[in-house]
Amino acid sequence: MDIHDVLDTEELMIRLDNDMELLQELIEIFLEDYPQQMVAIANAIQSRNGQELQHAAHTLKGAVGNFCAKKAVELAFQLEKKGEGEDFENVSEVYSLLENELNKVVSALHVLAAETVAD
């Protein structure tokens, strides 16, 4: 897997002003928090709670957006909009796509974290 297909590392490093310590902290926080955010999204979908879905997806969108993970951001945004519109059609499919993309993001972040430690 090429991490550049998942993360815009160039944009990420510009945003962080090449601060590797900050990058490590952001990665640690994200890896700790995103599973609970995915559970919140899944629970909102299961209970068909649009407001909860909108909120949880928005939170995840911001967290993954920190890493310039454009596809994951787009999928979280789709879920956010579905929650806002109380639209639960195809929501499980979007959730699955997001879950798959987040697996790629997590792998890319592990690679990135290892690279920053090695430098």
N, C-alpha and C. Protein backbone atom coordinates (compact mmCIF):
# COMPACT_ATOMS: atom_id res chain seq x y z
N MET A 1 0.85 -1.19 0.00
CA MET A 1 0.00 0.00 0.00
C MET A 1 0.89 1.26 0.00
N ASP A 2 0.55 2.17 -0.86
CA ASP A 2 1.26 3.45 -0.91
C ASP A 2 0.51 4.43 -0.01
N ILE A 3 1.17 4.90 1.05
CA ILE A 3 0.47 5.79 1.98
C ILE A 3 0.01 7.08 1.31
N HIS A 4 0.66 7.44 0.20
CA HIS A 4 0.29 8.67 -0.50
C HIS A 4 -1.05 8.54 -1.22
N ASP A 5 -1.51 7.29 -1.42
CA ASP A 5 -2.85 7.07 -1.98
C ASP A 5 -3.93 7.29 -0.93
N VAL A 6 -3.53 7.24 0.34
CA VAL A 6 -4.49 7.34 1.45
C VAL A 6 -4.41 8.70 2.13
N LEU A 7 -3.19 9.19 2.31
CA LEU A 7 -2.95 10.47 3.00
C LEU A 7 -2.22 11.43 2.05
N ASP A 8 -2.60 12.68 2.09
CA ASP A 8 -1.84 13.70 1.37
C ASP A 8 -0.73 14.15 2.32
N THR A 9 0.37 13.40 2.32
CA THR A 9 1.43 13.65 3.30
C THR A 9 2.09 15.01 3.09
N GLU A 10 2.14 15.45 1.84
CA GLU A 10 2.74 16.76 1.57
C GLU A 10 1.92 17.86 2.25
N GLU A 11 0.60 17.82 2.05
CA GLU A 11 -0.29 18.80 2.68
C GLU A 11 -0.22 18.66 4.20
N LEU A 12 -0.18 17.42 4.68
CA LEU A 12 -0.11 17.16 6.12
C LEU A 12 1.12 17.82 6.73
N MET A 13 2.27 17.64 6.11
CA MET A 13 3.50 18.20 6.67
C MET A 13 3.50 19.73 6.59
N ILE A 14 2.87 20.28 5.57
CA ILE A 14 2.74 21.75 5.50
C ILE A 14 1.88 22.24 6.66
N ARG A 15 0.76 21.57 6.88
CA ARG A 15 -0.15 21.96 7.97
C ARG A 15 0.54 21.90 9.33
N LEU A 16 1.38 20.88 9.51
CA LEU A 16 2.05 20.67 10.80
C LEU A 16 3.40 21.37 10.87
N ASP A 17 3.73 22.09 9.82
CA ASP A 17 5.01 22.79 9.77
C ASP A 17 6.17 21.82 10.06
N ASN A 18 6.03 20.61 9.50
CA ASN A 18 7.03 19.54 9.66
C ASN A 18 7.34 19.19 11.12
N ASP A 19 6.38 19.41 12.01
CA ASP A 19 6.57 19.11 13.43
C ASP A 19 6.27 17.62 13.68
N MET A 20 7.33 16.81 13.70
CA MET A 20 7.17 15.36 13.85
C MET A 20 6.62 14.97 15.22
N GLU A 21 6.96 15.71 16.23
CA GLU A 21 6.45 15.43 17.57
C GLU A 21 4.93 15.61 17.61
N LEU A 22 4.47 16.69 17.01
CA LEU A 22 3.03 16.94 16.93
C LEU A 22 2.34 15.85 16.12
N LEU A 23 2.96 15.44 15.02
CA LEU A 23 2.40 14.37 14.20
C LEU A 23 2.25 13.09 15.03
N GLN A 24 3.27 12.73 15.78
CA GLN A 24 3.21 11.53 16.63
C GLN A 24 2.05 11.63 17.63
N GLU A 25 1.90 12.81 18.24
CA GLU A 25 0.82 13.01 19.21
C GLU A 25 -0.54 12.87 18.55
N LEU A 26 -0.71 13.49 17.38
CA LEU A 26 -1.99 13.41 16.67
C LEU A 26 -2.32 11.97 16.28
N ILE A 27 -1.30 11.23 15.85
CA ILE A 27 -1.51 9.83 15.48
C ILE A 27 -1.96 9.03 16.70
N GLU A 28 -1.26 9.21 17.82
CA GLU A 28 -1.62 8.48 19.05
C GLU A 28 -3.06 8.78 19.48
N ILE A 29 -3.42 10.04 19.46
CA ILE A 29 -4.78 10.44 19.87
C ILE A 29 -5.81 9.83 18.93
N PHE A 30 -5.55 9.93 17.63
CA PHE A 30 -6.49 9.39 16.66
C PHE A 30 -6.68 7.89 16.84
N LEU A 31 -5.56 7.16 16.95
CA LEU A 31 -5.64 5.70 17.07
C LEU A 31 -6.38 5.28 18.34
N GLU A 32 -6.30 6.11 19.37
CA GLU A 32 -7.00 5.83 20.62
C GLU A 32 -8.50 6.13 20.50
N ASP A 33 -8.83 7.20 19.77
CA ASP A 33 -10.22 7.70 19.76
C ASP A 33 -11.10 7.16 18.64
N TYR A 34 -10.54 6.88 17.47
CA TYR A 34 -11.41 6.58 16.34
C TYR A 34 -12.28 5.33 16.52
N PRO A 35 -11.81 4.28 17.24
CA PRO A 35 -12.71 3.13 17.40
C PRO A 35 -14.03 3.49 18.11
N GLN A 36 -13.95 4.34 19.14
CA GLN A 36 -15.17 4.76 19.84
C GLN A 36 -16.06 5.59 18.92
N GLN A 37 -15.43 6.39 18.05
CA GLN A 37 -16.22 7.19 17.11
C GLN A 37 -16.95 6.29 16.12
N MET A 38 -16.29 5.23 15.68
CA MET A 38 -16.93 4.28 14.77
C MET A 38 -18.07 3.55 15.47
N VAL A 39 -17.90 3.22 16.74
CA VAL A 39 -18.97 2.58 17.51
C VAL A 39 -20.16 3.53 17.63
N ALA A 40 -19.88 4.80 17.89
CA ALA A 40 -20.96 5.79 17.98
C ALA A 40 -21.72 5.91 16.66
N ILE A 41 -20.99 5.88 15.55
CA ILE A 41 -21.63 5.94 14.23
C ILE A 41 -22.49 4.69 14.01
N ALA A 42 -21.92 3.52 14.32
CA ALA A 42 -22.66 2.25 14.14
C ALA A 42 -23.92 2.23 15.00
N ASN A 43 -23.80 2.69 16.25
CA ASN A 43 -24.97 2.72 17.14
C ASN A 43 -26.03 3.68 16.62
N ALA A 44 -25.61 4.82 16.09
CA ALA A 44 -26.56 5.79 15.54
C ALA A 44 -27.28 5.21 14.32
N ILE A 45 -26.54 4.47 13.51
CA ILE A 45 -27.15 3.84 12.33
C ILE A 45 -28.16 2.78 12.79
N GLN A 46 -27.74 1.96 13.75
CA GLN A 46 -28.60 0.88 14.23
C GLN A 46 -29.89 1.43 14.86
N SER A 47 -29.77 2.52 15.61
CA SER A 47 -30.96 3.09 16.26
C SER A 47 -31.67 4.12 15.36
N ARG A 48 -31.12 4.33 14.16
CA ARG A 48 -31.69 5.27 13.18
C ARG A 48 -31.84 6.67 13.79
N ASN A 49 -30.79 7.10 14.48
CA ASN A 49 -30.78 8.41 15.12
C ASN A 49 -29.94 9.36 14.25
N GLY A 50 -30.61 10.16 13.46
CA GLY A 50 -29.94 11.05 12.52
C GLY A 50 -29.05 12.07 13.20
N GLN A 51 -29.52 12.63 14.30
CA GLN A 51 -28.74 13.65 15.01
C GLN A 51 -27.44 13.06 15.54
N GLU A 52 -27.54 11.87 16.13
CA GLU A 52 -26.33 11.20 16.66
C GLU A 52 -25.38 10.84 15.52
N LEU A 53 -25.95 10.37 14.41
CA LEU A 53 -25.13 10.01 13.25
C LEU A 53 -24.40 11.25 12.73
N GLN A 54 -25.12 12.33 12.61
CA GLN A 54 -24.52 13.57 12.11
C GLN A 54 -23.37 14.00 13.02
N HIS A 55 -23.60 13.98 14.33
CA HIS A 55 -22.59 14.41 15.29
C HIS A 55 -21.36 13.49 15.27
N ALA A 56 -21.60 12.19 15.33
CA ALA A 56 -20.48 11.23 15.39
C ALA A 56 -19.67 11.26 14.10
N ALA A 57 -20.35 11.34 12.97
CA ALA A 57 -19.64 11.38 11.69
C ALA A 57 -18.86 12.68 11.54
N HIS A 58 -19.45 13.77 12.01
CA HIS A 58 -18.76 15.07 11.96
C HIS A 58 -17.48 15.03 12.81
N THR A 59 -17.57 14.45 13.99
CA THR A 59 -16.41 14.33 14.87
C THR A 59 -15.31 13.51 14.21
N LEU A 60 -15.69 12.37 13.63
CA LEU A 60 -14.71 11.52 12.95
C LEU A 60 -14.13 12.23 11.73
N LYS A 61 -14.97 12.95 11.01
CA LYS A 61 -14.51 13.69 9.83
C LYS A 61 -13.40 14.66 10.21
N GLY A 62 -13.59 15.37 11.31
CA GLY A 62 -12.57 16.31 11.77
C GLY A 62 -11.29 15.61 12.18
N ALA A 63 -11.44 14.49 12.87
CA ALA A 63 -10.26 13.75 13.34
C ALA A 63 -9.44 13.21 12.18
N VAL A 64 -10.09 12.60 11.22
CA VAL A 64 -9.38 12.01 10.08
C VAL A 64 -8.92 13.11 9.12
N GLY A 65 -9.61 14.22 9.13
CA GLY A 65 -9.21 15.36 8.30
C GLY A 65 -7.87 15.93 8.70
N ASN A 66 -7.51 15.76 9.97
CA ASN A 66 -6.20 16.22 10.44
C ASN A 66 -5.06 15.59 9.65
N PHE A 67 -5.31 14.42 9.07
CA PHE A 67 -4.27 13.68 8.35
C PHE A 67 -4.40 13.81 6.84
N CYS A 68 -5.29 14.69 6.39
CA CYS A 68 -5.46 14.92 4.95
C CYS A 68 -5.81 13.61 4.24
N ALA A 69 -6.67 12.82 4.88
CA ALA A 69 -7.14 11.55 4.31
C ALA A 69 -8.45 11.84 3.57
N LYS A 70 -8.31 12.31 2.35
CA LYS A 70 -9.45 12.86 1.62
C LYS A 70 -10.61 11.89 1.42
N LYS A 71 -10.33 10.63 1.09
CA LYS A 71 -11.41 9.68 0.84
C LYS A 71 -12.18 9.38 2.14
N ALA A 72 -11.46 9.20 3.23
CA ALA A 72 -12.10 8.94 4.52
C ALA A 72 -12.93 10.16 4.95
N VAL A 73 -12.40 11.35 4.72
CA VAL A 73 -13.14 12.57 5.05
C VAL A 73 -14.43 12.63 4.24
N GLU A 74 -14.34 12.31 2.96
CA GLU A 74 -15.52 12.35 2.09
C GLU A 74 -16.59 11.35 2.56
N LEU A 75 -16.17 10.16 2.93
CA LEU A 75 -17.12 9.14 3.39
C LEU A 75 -17.76 9.55 4.72
N ALA A 76 -16.97 10.10 5.63
CA ALA A 76 -17.53 10.59 6.90
C ALA A 76 -18.51 11.73 6.64
N PHE A 77 -18.18 12.58 5.67
CA PHE A 77 -19.07 13.69 5.31
C PHE A 77 -20.39 13.16 4.76
N GLN A 78 -20.32 12.10 3.95
CA GLN A 78 -21.55 11.49 3.43
C GLN A 78 -22.44 11.00 4.57
N LEU A 79 -21.82 10.36 5.57
CA LEU A 79 -22.60 9.89 6.72
C LEU A 79 -23.15 11.06 7.52
N GLU A 80 -22.35 12.11 7.66
CA GLU A 80 -22.81 13.31 8.37
C GLU A 80 -24.06 13.87 7.69
N LYS A 81 -24.01 13.98 6.37
CA LYS A 81 -25.15 14.52 5.61
C LYS A 81 -26.36 13.59 5.70
N LYS A 82 -26.13 12.29 5.67
CA LYS A 82 -27.23 11.34 5.80
C LYS A 82 -27.89 11.50 7.17
N GLY A 83 -27.09 11.69 8.20
CA GLY A 83 -27.65 11.92 9.53
C GLY A 83 -28.45 13.20 9.57
N GLU A 84 -27.90 14.25 8.99
CA GLU A 84 -28.59 15.55 8.96
C GLU A 84 -29.95 15.45 8.28
N GLY A 85 -30.00 14.65 7.21
CA GLY A 85 -31.24 14.52 6.45
C GLY A 85 -32.12 13.36 6.91
N GLU A 86 -31.71 12.70 8.01
CA GLU A 86 -32.43 11.51 8.49
C GLU A 86 -32.59 10.49 7.35
N ASP A 87 -31.56 10.37 6.52
CA ASP A 87 -31.58 9.49 5.35
C ASP A 87 -30.77 8.24 5.67
N PHE A 88 -31.46 7.14 5.88
CA PHE A 88 -30.77 5.91 6.26
C PHE A 88 -30.65 4.92 5.10
N GLU A 89 -31.01 5.36 3.89
CA GLU A 89 -30.86 4.52 2.72
C GLU A 89 -29.37 4.41 2.37
N ASN A 90 -28.91 3.19 2.14
CA ASN A 90 -27.51 2.91 1.78
C ASN A 90 -26.51 3.34 2.85
N VAL A 91 -26.97 3.66 4.05
CA VAL A 91 -26.06 4.15 5.08
C VAL A 91 -25.09 3.05 5.53
N SER A 92 -25.54 1.81 5.55
CA SER A 92 -24.66 0.71 5.96
C SER A 92 -23.54 0.50 4.96
N GLU A 93 -23.84 0.70 3.67
CA GLU A 93 -22.82 0.57 2.63
C GLU A 93 -21.76 1.65 2.80
N VAL A 94 -22.19 2.88 3.06
CA VAL A 94 -21.24 3.98 3.25
C VAL A 94 -20.39 3.71 4.49
N TYR A 95 -21.03 3.20 5.54
CA TYR A 95 -20.30 2.87 6.76
C TYR A 95 -19.21 1.82 6.46
N SER A 96 -19.56 0.80 5.70
CA SER A 96 -18.58 -0.25 5.34
C SER A 96 -17.43 0.32 4.54
N LEU A 97 -17.73 1.21 3.60
CA LEU A 97 -16.68 1.85 2.82
C LEU A 97 -15.77 2.68 3.74
N LEU A 98 -16.38 3.38 4.68
CA LEU A 98 -15.61 4.19 5.63
C LEU A 98 -14.72 3.29 6.49
N GLU A 99 -15.28 2.19 6.95
CA GLU A 99 -14.52 1.25 7.77
C GLU A 99 -13.30 0.73 7.00
N ASN A 100 -13.50 0.36 5.75
CA ASN A 100 -12.39 -0.12 4.91
C ASN A 100 -11.35 0.97 4.70
N GLU A 101 -11.81 2.18 4.44
CA GLU A 101 -10.88 3.29 4.22
C GLU A 101 -10.11 3.61 5.49
N LEU A 102 -10.79 3.54 6.64
CA LEU A 102 -10.10 3.81 7.91
C LEU A 102 -9.03 2.77 8.20
N ASN A 103 -9.26 1.52 7.78
CA ASN A 103 -8.23 0.50 7.93
C ASN A 103 -6.98 0.90 7.15
N LYS A 104 -7.18 1.46 5.96
CA LYS A 104 -6.05 1.94 5.15
C LYS A 104 -5.38 3.14 5.82
N VAL A 105 -6.19 4.04 6.37
CA VAL A 105 -5.65 5.21 7.06
C VAL A 105 -4.80 4.78 8.25
N VAL A 106 -5.32 3.85 9.03
CA VAL A 106 -4.59 3.37 10.21
C VAL A 106 -3.26 2.74 9.78
N SER A 107 -3.29 1.92 8.74
CA SER A 107 -2.04 1.32 8.24
C SER A 107 -1.07 2.40 7.79
N ALA A 108 -1.58 3.39 7.07
CA ALA A 108 -0.73 4.48 6.59
C ALA A 108 -0.15 5.27 7.76
N LEU A 109 -0.95 5.49 8.79
CA LEU A 109 -0.46 6.22 9.96
C LEU A 109 0.63 5.45 10.69
N HIS A 110 0.49 4.12 10.75
CA HIS A 110 1.53 3.31 11.38
C HIS A 110 2.84 3.42 10.60
N VAL A 111 2.74 3.40 9.27
CA VAL A 111 3.93 3.56 8.43
C VAL A 111 4.54 4.92 8.65
N LEU A 112 3.69 5.94 8.65
CA LEU A 112 4.16 7.32 8.84
C LEU A 112 4.82 7.49 10.21
N ALA A 113 4.20 6.92 11.23
CA ALA A 113 4.76 7.00 12.59
C ALA A 113 6.12 6.32 12.65
N ALA A 114 6.24 5.18 12.01
CA ALA A 114 7.51 4.46 12.00
C ALA A 114 8.59 5.27 11.26
N GLU A 115 8.18 5.92 10.17
CA GLU A 115 9.12 6.74 9.40
C GLU A 115 9.61 7.94 10.23
N THR A 116 8.70 8.56 10.98
CA THR A 116 9.09 9.74 11.74
C THR A 116 10.01 9.37 12.91
N VAL A 117 9.81 8.19 13.46
CA VAL A 117 10.68 7.72 14.55
C VAL A 117 12.06 7.39 13.98
N ALA A 118 12.08 6.81 12.77
CA ALA A 118 13.34 6.39 12.15
C ALA A 118 14.19 7.59 11.73
N ASP A 119 13.56 8.71 11.43
CA ASP A 119 14.30 9.90 10.95
C ASP A 119 15.18 10.51 12.03
